[in-house]
PDB file of all heavy atoms in Angstrom:
ATOM      1  N   ASP A   1      15.154  -4.634  44.698  1.00  0.00           N
ATOM      2  CA  ASP A   1      16.450  -3.965  44.863  1.00  0.00           C
ATOM      3  C   ASP A   1      17.470  -4.925  45.472  1.00  0.00           C
ATOM      4  O   ASP A   1      18.646  -4.937  45.087  1.00  0.00           O
ATOM      5  CB  ASP A   1      16.312  -2.741  45.772  1.00  0.00           C
ATOM      6  CG  ASP A   1      15.370  -1.690  45.215  1.00  0.00           C
ATOM      7  OD1 ASP A   1      15.265  -1.568  43.986  1.00  0.00           O
ATOM      8  OD2 ASP A   1      14.737  -0.987  46.034  1.00  0.00           O
ATOM      9  N   ILE A   2      17.014  -5.703  46.438  1.00  0.00           N
ATOM     10  CA  ILE A   2      17.903  -6.665  47.095  1.00  0.00           C
ATOM     11  C   ILE A   2      18.378  -7.712  46.095  1.00  0.00           C
ATOM     12  O   ILE A   2      19.573  -8.049  46.029  1.00  0.00           O
ATOM     13  CB  ILE A   2      17.183  -7.329  48.284  1.00  0.00           C
ATOM     14  CG1 ILE A   2      16.819  -6.274  49.337  1.00  0.00           C
ATOM     15  CG2 ILE A   2      18.032  -8.430  48.903  1.00  0.00           C
ATOM     16  CD1 ILE A   2      15.852  -6.749  50.402  1.00  0.00           C
ATOM     17  N   VAL A   3      17.468  -8.221  45.282  1.00  0.00           N
ATOM     18  CA  VAL A   3      17.833  -9.214  44.260  1.00  0.00           C
ATOM     19  C   VAL A   3      18.812  -8.611  43.259  1.00  0.00           C
ATOM     20  O   VAL A   3      19.801  -9.253  42.868  1.00  0.00           O
ATOM     21  CB  VAL A   3      16.572  -9.744  43.553  1.00  0.00           C
ATOM     22  CG1 VAL A   3      16.955 -10.616  42.358  1.00  0.00           C
ATOM     23  CG2 VAL A   3      15.702 -10.534  44.525  1.00  0.00           C
ATOM     24  N   LYS A   4      18.578  -7.372  42.847  1.00  0.00           N
ATOM     25  CA  LYS A   4      19.495  -6.709  41.914  1.00  0.00           C
ATOM     26  C   LYS A   4      20.901  -6.601  42.510  1.00  0.00           C
ATOM     27  O   LYS A   4      21.905  -6.860  41.830  1.00  0.00           O
ATOM     28  CB  LYS A   4      18.976  -5.319  41.567  1.00  0.00           C
ATOM     29  CG  LYS A   4      17.730  -5.298  40.706  1.00  0.00           C
ATOM     30  CD  LYS A   4      17.211  -3.875  40.531  1.00  0.00           C
ATOM     31  CE  LYS A   4      15.928  -3.827  39.724  1.00  0.00           C
ATOM     32  NZ  LYS A   4      15.416  -2.439  39.547  1.00  0.00           N
ATOM     33  N   ALA A   5      20.973  -6.181  43.776  1.00  0.00           N
ATOM     34  CA  ALA A   5      22.277  -6.021  44.414  1.00  0.00           C
ATOM     35  C   ALA A   5      23.031  -7.344  44.475  1.00  0.00           C
ATOM     36  O   ALA A   5      24.243  -7.408  44.211  1.00  0.00           O
ATOM     37  CB  ALA A   5      22.107  -5.449  45.822  1.00  0.00           C
ATOM     38  N   ILE A   6      22.330  -8.422  44.798  1.00  0.00           N
ATOM     39  CA  ILE A   6      22.977  -9.728  44.885  1.00  0.00           C
ATOM     40  C   ILE A   6      23.386 -10.215  43.499  1.00  0.00           C
ATOM     41  O   ILE A   6      24.459 -10.797  43.318  1.00  0.00           O
ATOM     42  CB  ILE A   6      22.058 -10.723  45.608  1.00  0.00           C
ATOM     43  CG1 ILE A   6      21.918 -10.304  47.081  1.00  0.00           C
ATOM     44  CG2 ILE A   6      22.592 -12.156  45.511  1.00  0.00           C
ATOM     45  CD1 ILE A   6      20.906 -11.070  47.849  1.00  0.00           C
ATOM     46  N   ALA A   7      22.564  -9.931  42.496  1.00  0.00           N
ATOM     47  CA  ALA A   7      22.918 -10.300  41.127  1.00  0.00           C
ATOM     48  C   ALA A   7      24.199  -9.610  40.681  1.00  0.00           C
ATOM     49  O   ALA A   7      24.985 -10.162  39.896  1.00  0.00           O
ATOM     50  CB  ALA A   7      21.775  -9.951  40.180  1.00  0.00           C
ATOM     51  N   LEU A   8      24.444  -8.401  41.201  1.00  0.00           N
ATOM     52  CA  LEU A   8      25.650  -7.648  40.844  1.00  0.00           C
ATOM     53  C   LEU A   8      26.831  -7.971  41.754  1.00  0.00           C
ATOM     54  O   LEU A   8      27.885  -7.350  41.627  1.00  0.00           O
ATOM     55  CB  LEU A   8      25.355  -6.153  40.884  1.00  0.00           C
ATOM     56  CG  LEU A   8      24.340  -5.658  39.840  1.00  0.00           C
ATOM     57  CD1 LEU A   8      24.015  -4.188  40.070  1.00  0.00           C
ATOM     58  CD2 LEU A   8      24.868  -5.874  38.430  1.00  0.00           C
ATOM     59  N   GLY A   9      26.646  -8.923  42.667  1.00  0.00           N
ATOM     60  CA  GLY A   9      27.778  -9.403  43.457  1.00  0.00           C
ATOM     61  C   GLY A   9      27.738  -9.134  44.939  1.00  0.00           C
ATOM     62  O   GLY A   9      28.634  -9.568  45.669  1.00  0.00           O
ATOM     63  N   ALA A  10      26.739  -8.412  45.422  1.00  0.00           N
ATOM     64  CA  ALA A  10      26.663  -8.148  46.861  1.00  0.00           C
ATOM     65  C   ALA A  10      26.326  -9.421  47.624  1.00  0.00           C
ATOM     66  O   ALA A  10      25.576 -10.266  47.136  1.00  0.00           O
ATOM     67  CB  ALA A  10      25.601  -7.091  47.151  1.00  0.00           C
ATOM     68  N   GLU A  11      26.881  -9.550  48.818  1.00  0.00           N
ATOM     69  CA  GLU A  11      26.512 -10.679  49.668  1.00  0.00           C
ATOM     70  C   GLU A  11      25.137 -10.453  50.284  1.00  0.00           C
ATOM     71  O   GLU A  11      24.367 -11.396  50.471  1.00  0.00           O
ATOM     72  CB  GLU A  11      27.552 -10.890  50.762  1.00  0.00           C
ATOM     73  CG  GLU A  11      27.212 -12.034  51.693  1.00  0.00           C
ATOM     74  CD  GLU A  11      28.407 -12.547  52.478  1.00  0.00           C
ATOM     75  OE1 GLU A  11      29.250 -13.239  51.868  1.00  0.00           O
ATOM     76  OE2 GLU A  11      28.494 -12.250  53.679  1.00  0.00           O
ATOM     77  N   ALA A  12      24.837  -9.199  50.605  1.00  0.00           N
ATOM     78  CA  ALA A  12      23.566  -8.866  51.237  1.00  0.00           C
ATOM     79  C   ALA A  12      23.376  -7.360  51.155  1.00  0.00           C
ATOM     80  O   ALA A  12      24.274  -6.624  50.738  1.00  0.00           O
ATOM     81  CB  ALA A  12      23.543  -9.326  52.688  1.00  0.00           C
ATOM     82  N   THR A  13      22.201  -6.906  51.555  1.00  0.00           N
ATOM     83  CA  THR A  13      21.950  -5.475  51.681  1.00  0.00           C
ATOM     84  C   THR A  13      21.600  -5.160  53.133  1.00  0.00           C
ATOM     85  O   THR A  13      21.219  -6.046  53.898  1.00  0.00           O
ATOM     86  CB  THR A  13      20.796  -5.009  50.786  1.00  0.00           C
ATOM     87  OG1 THR A  13      19.567  -5.542  51.287  1.00  0.00           O
ATOM     88  CG2 THR A  13      20.993  -5.457  49.345  1.00  0.00           C
ATOM     89  N   LEU A  14      21.723  -3.890  53.487  1.00  0.00           N
ATOM     90  CA  LEU A  14      21.256  -3.403  54.773  1.00  0.00           C
ATOM     91  C   LEU A  14      20.032  -2.519  54.523  1.00  0.00           C
ATOM     92  O   LEU A  14      19.987  -1.778  53.539  1.00  0.00           O
ATOM     93  CB  LEU A  14      22.336  -2.603  55.500  1.00  0.00           C
ATOM     94  CG  LEU A  14      23.684  -3.292  55.748  1.00  0.00           C
ATOM     95  CD1 LEU A  14      24.577  -2.403  56.609  1.00  0.00           C
ATOM     96  CD2 LEU A  14      23.516  -4.649  56.377  1.00  0.00           C
ATOM     97  N   ILE A  15      19.052  -2.599  55.418  1.00  0.00           N
ATOM     98  CA  ILE A  15      17.796  -1.871  55.255  1.00  0.00           C
ATOM     99  C   ILE A  15      17.669  -0.829  56.368  1.00  0.00           C
ATOM    100  O   ILE A  15      17.751  -1.170  57.548  1.00  0.00           O
ATOM    101  CB  ILE A  15      16.581  -2.824  55.320  1.00  0.00           C
ATOM    102  CG1 ILE A  15      16.760  -3.992  54.344  1.00  0.00           C
ATOM    103  CG2 ILE A  15      15.298  -2.050  55.031  1.00  0.00           C
ATOM    104  CD1 ILE A  15      16.797  -3.614  52.894  1.00  0.00           C
ATOM    105  N   GLY A  16      17.444   0.426  55.985  1.00  0.00           N
ATOM    106  CA  GLY A  16      17.341   1.504  56.955  1.00  0.00           C
ATOM    107  C   GLY A  16      15.979   2.166  56.982  1.00  0.00           C
ATOM    108  O   GLY A  16      15.088   1.769  57.715  1.00  0.00           O
ATOM    109  N   ARG A  17      15.782   3.191  56.142  1.00  0.00           N
ATOM    110  CA  ARG A  17      14.584   4.016  56.219  1.00  0.00           C
ATOM    111  C   ARG A  17      13.262   3.242  56.164  1.00  0.00           C
ATOM    112  O   ARG A  17      12.337   3.580  56.915  1.00  0.00           O
ATOM    113  CB  ARG A  17      14.608   5.074  55.117  1.00  0.00           C
ATOM    114  CG  ARG A  17      15.461   6.306  55.441  1.00  0.00           C
ATOM    115  CD  ARG A  17      15.221   7.383  54.400  1.00  0.00           C
ATOM    116  NE  ARG A  17      16.010   8.586  54.626  1.00  0.00           N
ATOM    117  CZ  ARG A  17      17.200   8.822  54.064  1.00  0.00           C
ATOM    118  NH1 ARG A  17      17.732   7.910  53.261  1.00  0.00           N
ATOM    119  NH2 ARG A  17      17.845   9.950  54.309  1.00  0.00           N
ATOM    120  N   PRO A  18      13.095   2.235  55.296  1.00  0.00           N
ATOM    121  CA  PRO A  18      11.790   1.556  55.270  1.00  0.00           C
ATOM    122  C   PRO A  18      11.367   1.017  56.632  1.00  0.00           C
ATOM    123  O   PRO A  18      10.188   1.089  56.991  1.00  0.00           O
ATOM    124  CB  PRO A  18      12.007   0.412  54.260  1.00  0.00           C
ATOM    125  CG  PRO A  18      13.050   0.939  53.341  1.00  0.00           C
ATOM    126  CD  PRO A  18      13.980   1.728  54.217  1.00  0.00           C
ATOM    127  N   LEU A  19      12.317   0.521  57.407  1.00  0.00           N
ATOM    128  CA  LEU A  19      11.982  -0.004  58.732  1.00  0.00           C
ATOM    129  C   LEU A  19      11.633   1.125  59.700  1.00  0.00           C
ATOM    130  O   LEU A  19      10.779   0.956  60.579  1.00  0.00           O
ATOM    131  CB  LEU A  19      13.142  -0.836  59.274  1.00  0.00           C
ATOM    132  CG  LEU A  19      13.528  -2.067  58.449  1.00  0.00           C
ATOM    133  CD1 LEU A  19      14.684  -2.803  59.108  1.00  0.00           C
ATOM    134  CD2 LEU A  19      12.335  -3.010  58.273  1.00  0.00           C
ATOM    135  N   LEU A  20      12.262   2.279  59.520  1.00  0.00           N
ATOM    136  CA  LEU A  20      11.962   3.410  60.404  1.00  0.00           C
ATOM    137  C   LEU A  20      10.614   4.027  60.067  1.00  0.00           C
ATOM    138  O   LEU A  20       9.875   4.453  60.968  1.00  0.00           O
ATOM    139  CB  LEU A  20      13.076   4.457  60.317  1.00  0.00           C
ATOM    140  CG  LEU A  20      14.476   3.971  60.711  1.00  0.00           C
ATOM    141  CD1 LEU A  20      15.452   5.137  60.709  1.00  0.00           C
ATOM    142  CD2 LEU A  20      14.468   3.300  62.075  1.00  0.00           C
ATOM    143  N   TRP A  21      10.274   4.102  58.792  1.00  0.00           N
ATOM    144  CA  TRP A  21       8.926   4.562  58.431  1.00  0.00           C
ATOM    145  C   TRP A  21       7.880   3.632  59.038  1.00  0.00           C
ATOM    146  O   TRP A  21       6.873   4.082  59.582  1.00  0.00           O
ATOM    147  CB  TRP A  21       8.774   4.592  56.909  1.00  0.00           C
ATOM    148  CG  TRP A  21       9.566   5.666  56.230  1.00  0.00           C
ATOM    149  CD1 TRP A  21       9.833   6.924  56.712  1.00  0.00           C
ATOM    150  CD2 TRP A  21      10.193   5.588  54.942  1.00  0.00           C
ATOM    151  NE1 TRP A  21      10.597   7.630  55.804  1.00  0.00           N
ATOM    152  CE2 TRP A  21      10.829   6.846  54.710  1.00  0.00           C
ATOM    153  CE3 TRP A  21      10.285   4.605  53.965  1.00  0.00           C
ATOM    154  CZ2 TRP A  21      11.530   7.110  53.528  1.00  0.00           C
ATOM    155  CZ3 TRP A  21      10.987   4.859  52.792  1.00  0.00           C
ATOM    156  CH2 TRP A  21      11.598   6.103  52.584  1.00  0.00           C
ATOM    157  N   ALA A  22       8.135   2.325  58.943  1.00  0.00           N
ATOM    158  CA  ALA A  22       7.184   1.353  59.495  1.00  0.00           C
ATOM    159  C   ALA A  22       7.107   1.457  61.013  1.00  0.00           C
ATOM    160  O   ALA A  22       6.030   1.342  61.603  1.00  0.00           O
ATOM    161  CB  ALA A  22       7.593  -0.062  59.076  1.00  0.00           C
ATOM    162  N   LEU A  23       8.254   1.680  61.660  1.00  0.00           N
ATOM    163  CA  LEU A  23       8.288   1.852  63.115  1.00  0.00           C
ATOM    164  C   LEU A  23       7.456   3.058  63.531  1.00  0.00           C
ATOM    165  O   LEU A  23       6.653   2.978  64.472  1.00  0.00           O
ATOM    166  CB  LEU A  23       9.733   2.023  63.577  1.00  0.00           C
ATOM    167  CG  LEU A  23       9.950   2.351  65.053  1.00  0.00           C
ATOM    168  CD1 LEU A  23       9.620   1.138  65.924  1.00  0.00           C
ATOM    169  CD2 LEU A  23      11.397   2.814  65.294  1.00  0.00           C
ATOM    170  N   ALA A  24       7.655   4.172  62.842  1.00  0.00           N
ATOM    171  CA  ALA A  24       6.911   5.387  63.182  1.00  0.00           C
ATOM    172  C   ALA A  24       5.419   5.222  62.900  1.00  0.00           C
ATOM    173  O   ALA A  24       4.581   5.769  63.619  1.00  0.00           O
ATOM    174  CB  ALA A  24       7.469   6.573  62.400  1.00  0.00           C
ATOM    175  N   ALA A  25       5.093   4.459  61.869  1.00  0.00           N
ATOM    176  CA  ALA A  25       3.695   4.312  61.463  1.00  0.00           C
ATOM    177  C   ALA A  25       2.920   3.373  62.369  1.00  0.00           C
ATOM    178  O   ALA A  25       1.786   3.675  62.770  1.00  0.00           O
ATOM    179  CB  ALA A  25       3.635   3.804  60.017  1.00  0.00           C
ATOM    180  N   ARG A  26       3.523   2.215  62.711  1.00  0.00           N
ATOM    181  CA  ARG A  26       2.761   1.182  63.405  1.00  0.00           C
ATOM    182  C   ARG A  26       3.562   0.475  64.501  1.00  0.00           C
ATOM    183  O   ARG A  26       3.197  -0.624  64.916  1.00  0.00           O
ATOM    184  CB  ARG A  26       2.265   0.144  62.396  1.00  0.00           C
ATOM    185  CG  ARG A  26       1.202   0.695  61.454  1.00  0.00           C
ATOM    186  CD  ARG A  26       0.995  -0.180  60.227  1.00  0.00           C
ATOM    187  NE  ARG A  26       0.426  -1.478  60.526  1.00  0.00           N
ATOM    188  CZ  ARG A  26      -0.882  -1.768  60.466  1.00  0.00           C
ATOM    189  NH1 ARG A  26      -1.748  -0.827  60.128  1.00  0.00           N
ATOM    190  NH2 ARG A  26      -1.315  -2.981  60.714  1.00  0.00           N
ATOM    191  N   GLY A  27       4.649   1.091  64.951  1.00  0.00           N
ATOM    192  CA  GLY A  27       5.413   0.506  66.045  1.00  0.00           C
ATOM    193  C   GLY A  27       6.042  -0.821  65.667  1.00  0.00           C
ATOM    194  O   GLY A  27       6.411  -1.056  64.516  1.00  0.00           O
TER     195      GLY A  27
END
């Protein structure tokens, strides 16, 4: 998804839920 966004012109992406799922799962 990040590569797709950059290919379409984004400078970067921001990541939210995946990090929170990981935080809740394994700190």
